[in-house]
């Protein structure tokens, strides 16, 4: 599902970034190209919600990682 049409941001992209450990609002905005001055700003206003989605995905990936996996928990 699209979260931001201006930048073409999808929830699946946010989840993928979360699995890769990109979970802070600032890091997500940078990775997704979200800029307050470069689009409508709707997704930037909801960046905390996007960070929560990414963090949830990161935690799920950690729980599902096989024992001895190289995924870190940070």
Protein backbone atom coordinates (compact mmCIF):
# COMPACT_ATOMS: atom_id res chain seq x y z
CA UNK A 1 0.00 0.00 0.00
CA UNK A 2 1.25 3.47 -0.82
CA UNK A 3 1.97 5.71 2.14
CA UNK A 4 3.24 8.66 0.11
CA UNK A 5 2.34 9.17 -3.51
CA UNK A 6 4.73 12.11 -3.89
CA UNK A 7 7.74 9.89 -3.23
CA UNK A 8 6.23 6.49 -4.07
CA UNK A 9 6.78 5.21 -0.51
CA UNK A 10 5.08 1.91 0.24
CA UNK A 11 4.53 0.12 3.52
CA UNK A 12 6.51 -2.82 2.14
CA UNK A 13 9.52 -0.52 1.59
CA UNK A 14 9.23 0.77 5.17
CA UNK A 15 9.06 -2.83 6.44
CA UNK A 16 12.08 -3.84 4.35
CA UNK A 17 14.06 -0.93 5.76
CA UNK A 18 13.03 -2.01 9.26
CA UNK A 19 14.34 -5.52 8.60
CA UNK A 20 17.61 -3.89 7.52
CA UNK A 21 17.77 -1.97 10.81
CA UNK A 22 16.69 1.43 9.49
CA UNK A 23 14.22 2.41 12.19
CA UNK A 24 14.84 5.95 13.39
CA UNK A 25 12.64 8.69 11.96
CA UNK A 26 15.68 10.56 10.64
CA UNK A 27 17.20 7.50 8.96
CA UNK A 28 13.86 6.53 7.42
CA UNK A 29 13.30 10.02 6.05
CA UNK A 30 16.78 10.01 4.53
CA UNK A 31 16.42 6.53 2.99
CA UNK A 32 12.96 7.25 1.61
CA UNK A 33 13.82 10.72 0.33
CA UNK A 34 11.16 12.32 2.49
CA UNK A 35 11.76 16.02 2.86
CA UNK A 36 9.41 18.57 4.35
CA UNK A 37 10.22 21.02 1.56
CA UNK A 38 10.16 18.60 -1.38
CA UNK A 39 6.67 17.10 -1.26
CA UNK A 40 3.24 17.53 0.33
CA UNK A 41 4.63 16.67 3.79
CA UNK A 42 1.95 14.15 4.75
CA UNK A 43 4.39 11.25 5.20
CA UNK A 44 6.87 13.51 6.98
CA UNK A 45 4.15 14.44 9.46
CA UNK A 46 3.58 10.73 10.12
CA UNK A 47 7.25 9.74 10.28
CA UNK A 48 6.89 8.53 13.88
CA UNK A 49 4.25 6.05 12.70
CA UNK A 50 6.56 4.87 9.93
CA UNK A 51 9.33 4.43 12.50
CA UNK A 52 7.01 2.31 14.66
CA UNK A 53 6.19 0.09 11.66
CA UNK A 54 9.89 -0.29 10.83
CA UNK A 55 10.80 -1.06 14.45
CA UNK A 56 8.06 -3.69 14.67
CA UNK A 57 9.39 -5.34 11.54
CA UNK A 58 12.95 -5.24 12.90
CA UNK A 59 11.84 -6.94 16.11
CA UNK A 60 9.92 -9.59 14.17
CA UNK A 61 12.97 -10.31 12.05
CA UNK A 62 15.10 -10.75 15.16
CA UNK A 63 12.59 -13.14 16.75
CA UNK A 64 12.38 -15.19 13.56
CA UNK A 65 16.11 -15.30 12.88
CA UNK A 66 17.65 -18.76 13.23
CA UNK A 67 19.89 -19.42 16.22
CA UNK A 68 23.44 -18.48 15.33
CA UNK A 69 22.28 -16.06 12.64
CA UNK A 70 24.45 -13.06 11.87
CA UNK A 71 21.56 -10.62 12.39
CA UNK A 72 22.28 -8.27 15.24
CA UNK A 73 19.76 -7.17 17.83
CA UNK A 74 20.78 -3.50 17.77
